[in-house]
Amino acid sequence: MAKQLVLAEGTVKLHLHHIYGKLQVKGRVHAIRKAREMKWIP
């Protein structure tokens, strides 16, 4: 992901950490589940 966005890996990890905090989840799988529950993604 970092390579595609031309960002440092640490920057991507920091952004993901903030996103998980706002969604009140602990990881990628939980974030996807939450997004589906909220109907943000199909």
PDB file of N, CA and C in Angstrom:
ATOM      1  N   MET A   1       0.835  -1.187   0.000  1.00  0.00           N
ATOM      2  CA  MET A   1       0.000   0.000   0.000  1.00  0.00           C
ATOM      3  C   MET A   1       0.877   1.247   0.000  1.00  0.00           C
ATOM      4  N   ALA A   2       1.895   1.265   0.847  1.00  0.00           N
ATOM      5  CA  ALA A   2       2.773   2.433   0.949  1.00  0.00           C
ATOM      6  C   ALA A   2       3.429   2.735  -0.393  1.00  0.00           C
ATOM      7  N   LYS A   3       3.876   1.699  -1.069  1.00  0.00           N
ATOM      8  CA  LYS A   3       4.549   1.888  -2.356  1.00  0.00           C
ATOM      9  C   LYS A   3       3.602   2.507  -3.378  1.00  0.00           C
ATOM     10  N   GLN A   4       2.368   2.019  -3.415  1.00  0.00           N
ATOM     11  CA  GLN A   4       1.392   2.543  -4.373  1.00  0.00           C
ATOM     12  C   GLN A   4       1.038   3.996  -4.079  1.00  0.00           C
ATOM     13  N   LEU A   5       1.025   4.364  -2.801  1.00  0.00           N
ATOM     14  CA  LEU A   5       0.686   5.733  -2.414  1.00  0.00           C
ATOM     15  C   LEU A   5       1.909   6.633  -2.333  1.00  0.00           C
ATOM     16  N   VAL A   6       3.073   6.069  -2.564  1.00  0.00           N
ATOM     17  CA  VAL A   6       4.353   6.777  -2.485  1.00  0.00           C
ATOM     18  C   VAL A   6       4.507   7.416  -1.098  1.00  0.00           C
ATOM     19  N   LEU A   7       4.303   6.596  -0.081  1.00  0.00           N
ATOM     20  CA  LEU A   7       4.441   7.016   1.309  1.00  0.00           C
ATOM     21  C   LEU A   7       5.347   6.032   2.025  1.00  0.00           C
ATOM     22  N   ALA A   8       5.907   6.476   3.136  1.00  0.00           N
ATOM     23  CA  ALA A   8       6.691   5.567   3.963  1.00  0.00           C
ATOM     24  C   ALA A   8       5.752   4.573   4.642  1.00  0.00           C
ATOM     25  N   GLU A   9       6.241   3.377   4.875  1.00  0.00           N
ATOM     26  CA  GLU A   9       5.431   2.342   5.517  1.00  0.00           C
ATOM     27  C   GLU A   9       4.933   2.814   6.882  1.00  0.00           C
ATOM     28  N   GLY A  10       5.778   3.508   7.619  1.00  0.00           N
ATOM     29  CA  GLY A  10       5.385   4.015   8.933  1.00  0.00           C
ATOM     30  C   GLY A  10       4.230   4.995   8.861  1.00  0.00           C
ATOM     31  N   THR A  11       4.193   5.798   7.799  1.00  0.00           N
ATOM     32  CA  THR A  11       3.098   6.760   7.617  1.00  0.00           C
ATOM     33  C   THR A  11       1.780   6.026   7.414  1.00  0.00           C
ATOM     34  N   VAL A  12       1.802   4.991   6.611  1.00  0.00           N
ATOM     35  CA  VAL A  12       0.590   4.205   6.361  1.00  0.00           C
ATOM     36  C   VAL A  12       0.122   3.547   7.659  1.00  0.00           C
ATOM     37  N   LYS A  13       1.064   2.981   8.417  1.00  0.00           N
ATOM     38  CA  LYS A  13       0.702   2.341   9.688  1.00  0.00           C
ATOM     39  C   LYS A  13       0.083   3.346  10.652  1.00  0.00           C
ATOM     40  N   LEU A  14       0.626   4.553  10.693  1.00  0.00           N
ATOM     41  CA  LEU A  14       0.080   5.578  11.576  1.00  0.00           C
ATOM     42  C   LEU A  14      -1.342   5.956  11.174  1.00  0.00           C
ATOM     43  N   HIS A  15      -1.560   6.140   9.868  1.00  0.00           N
ATOM     44  CA  HIS A  15      -2.908   6.476   9.388  1.00  0.00           C
ATOM     45  C   HIS A  15      -3.896   5.354   9.700  1.00  0.00           C
ATOM     46  N   LEU A  16      -3.466   4.099   9.488  1.00  0.00           N
ATOM     47  CA  LEU A  16      -4.341   2.970   9.805  1.00  0.00           C
ATOM     48  C   LEU A  16      -4.665   2.933  11.294  1.00  0.00           C
ATOM     49  N   HIS A  17      -3.671   3.204  12.128  1.00  0.00           N
ATOM     50  CA  HIS A  17      -3.886   3.229  13.580  1.00  0.00           C
ATOM     51  C   HIS A  17      -4.953   4.268  13.941  1.00  0.00           C
ATOM     52  N   HIS A  18      -4.889   5.436  13.325  1.00  0.00           N
ATOM     53  CA  HIS A  18      -5.874   6.485  13.601  1.00  0.00           C
ATOM     54  C   HIS A  18      -7.263   6.090  13.102  1.00  0.00           C
ATOM     55  N   ILE A  19      -7.312   5.478  11.938  1.00  0.00           N
ATOM     56  CA  ILE A  19      -8.600   5.028  11.394  1.00  0.00           C
ATOM     57  C   ILE A  19      -9.225   3.980  12.313  1.00  0.00           C
ATOM     58  N   TYR A  20      -8.412   3.013  12.752  1.00  0.00           N
ATOM     59  CA  TYR A  20      -8.928   1.977  13.652  1.00  0.00           C
ATOM     60  C   TYR A  20      -9.452   2.598  14.943  1.00  0.00           C
ATOM     61  N   GLY A  21      -8.759   3.584  15.455  1.00  0.00           N
ATOM     62  CA  GLY A  21      -9.208   4.252  16.670  1.00  0.00           C
ATOM     63  C   GLY A  21     -10.546   4.940  16.483  1.00  0.00           C
ATOM     64  N   LYS A  22     -10.710   5.625  15.364  1.00  0.00           N
ATOM     65  CA  LYS A  22     -11.971   6.317  15.104  1.00  0.00           C
ATOM     66  C   LYS A  22     -13.129   5.346  14.908  1.00  0.00           C
ATOM     67  N   LEU A  23     -12.815   4.184  14.327  1.00  0.00           N
ATOM     68  CA  LEU A  23     -13.850   3.165  14.138  1.00  0.00           C
ATOM     69  C   LEU A  23     -14.053   2.320  15.389  1.00  0.00           C
ATOM     70  N   GLN A  24     -13.165   2.475  16.358  1.00  0.00           N
ATOM     71  CA  GLN A  24     -13.181   1.693  17.603  1.00  0.00           C
ATOM     72  C   GLN A  24     -13.048   0.205  17.309  1.00  0.00           C
ATOM     73  N   VAL A  25     -12.049  -0.125  16.474  1.00  0.00           N
ATOM     74  CA  VAL A  25     -11.747  -1.508  16.129  1.00  0.00           C
ATOM     75  C   VAL A  25     -10.268  -1.765  16.383  1.00  0.00           C
ATOM     76  N   LYS A  26      -9.880  -3.051  16.339  1.00  0.00           N
ATOM     77  CA  LYS A  26      -8.499  -3.400  16.644  1.00  0.00           C
ATOM     78  C   LYS A  26      -7.681  -3.838  15.441  1.00  0.00           C
ATOM     79  N   GLY A  27      -8.271  -3.917  14.270  1.00  0.00           N
ATOM     80  CA  GLY A  27      -7.512  -4.357  13.116  1.00  0.00           C
ATOM     81  C   GLY A  27      -8.292  -4.244  11.832  1.00  0.00           C
ATOM     82  N   ARG A  28      -7.635  -4.669  10.748  1.00  0.00           N
ATOM     83  CA  ARG A  28      -8.192  -4.540   9.412  1.00  0.00           C
ATOM     84  C   ARG A  28      -9.492  -5.315   9.244  1.00  0.00           C
ATOM     85  N   VAL A  29      -9.527  -6.543   9.726  1.00  0.00           N
ATOM     86  CA  VAL A  29     -10.733  -7.368   9.576  1.00  0.00           C
ATOM     87  C   VAL A  29     -11.905  -6.726  10.308  1.00  0.00           C
ATOM     88  N   HIS A  30     -11.652  -6.261  11.514  1.00  0.00           N
ATOM     89  CA  HIS A  30     -12.723  -5.623  12.280  1.00  0.00           C
ATOM     90  C   HIS A  30     -13.165  -4.316  11.621  1.00  0.00           C
ATOM     91  N   ALA A  31     -12.228  -3.594  11.023  1.00  0.00           N
ATOM     92  CA  ALA A  31     -12.576  -2.352  10.335  1.00  0.00           C
ATOM     93  C   ALA A  31     -13.483  -2.639   9.139  1.00  0.00           C
ATOM     94  N   ILE A  32     -13.178  -3.699   8.402  1.00  0.00           N
ATOM     95  CA  ILE A  32     -14.004  -4.066   7.252  1.00  0.00           C
ATOM     96  C   ILE A  32     -15.397  -4.472   7.717  1.00  0.00           C
ATOM     97  N   ARG A  33     -15.475  -5.253   8.780  1.00  0.00           N
ATOM     98  CA  ARG A  33     -16.789  -5.653   9.321  1.00  0.00           C
ATOM     99  C   ARG A  33     -17.598  -4.438   9.731  1.00  0.00           C
ATOM    100  N   LYS A  34     -16.942  -3.513  10.415  1.00  0.00           N
ATOM    101  CA  LYS A  34     -17.630  -2.300  10.874  1.00  0.00           C
ATOM    102  C   LYS A  34     -18.116  -1.480   9.680  1.00  0.00           C
ATOM    103  N   ALA A  35     -17.277  -1.342   8.652  1.00  0.00           N
ATOM    104  CA  ALA A  35     -17.658  -0.588   7.457  1.00  0.00           C
ATOM    105  C   ALA A  35     -18.856  -1.235   6.772  1.00  0.00           C
ATOM    106  N   ARG A  36     -18.899  -2.556   6.764  1.00  0.00           N
ATOM    107  CA  ARG A  36     -20.047  -3.250   6.164  1.00  0.00           C
ATOM    108  C   ARG A  36     -21.304  -3.035   7.006  1.00  0.00           C
ATOM    109  N   GLU A  37     -21.159  -3.098   8.320  1.00  0.00           N
ATOM    110  CA  GLU A  37     -22.306  -2.851   9.211  1.00  0.00           C
ATOM    111  C   GLU A  37     -22.866  -1.446   9.001  1.00  0.00           C
ATOM    112  N   MET A  38     -21.967  -0.490   8.776  1.00  0.00           N
ATOM    113  CA  MET A  38     -22.383   0.902   8.591  1.00  0.00           C
ATOM    114  C   MET A  38     -22.836   1.168   7.150  1.00  0.00           C
ATOM    115  N   LYS A  39     -22.745   0.122   6.299  1.00  0.00           N
ATOM    116  CA  LYS A  39     -23.131   0.207   4.890  1.00  0.00           C
ATOM    117  C   LYS A  39     -22.267   1.200   4.109  1.00  0.00           C
ATOM    118  N   TRP A  40     -20.993   1.324   4.514  1.00  0.00           N
ATOM    119  CA  TRP A  40     -20.038   2.155   3.786  1.00  0.00           C
ATOM    120  C   TRP A  40     -19.467   1.399   2.604  1.00  0.00           C
ATOM    121  N   ILE A  41     -19.437   0.059   2.696  1.00  0.00           N
ATOM    122  CA  ILE A  41     -18.988  -0.800   1.606  1.00  0.00           C
ATOM    123  C   ILE A  41     -19.960  -1.967   1.500  1.00  0.00           C
ATOM    124  N   PRO A  42     -20.092  -2.552   0.305  1.00  0.00           N
ATOM    125  CA  PRO A  42     -21.045  -3.664   0.135  1.00  0.00           C
ATOM    126  C   PRO A  42     -20.561  -4.935   0.795  1.00  0.00           C
TER     127      PRO A  42
END
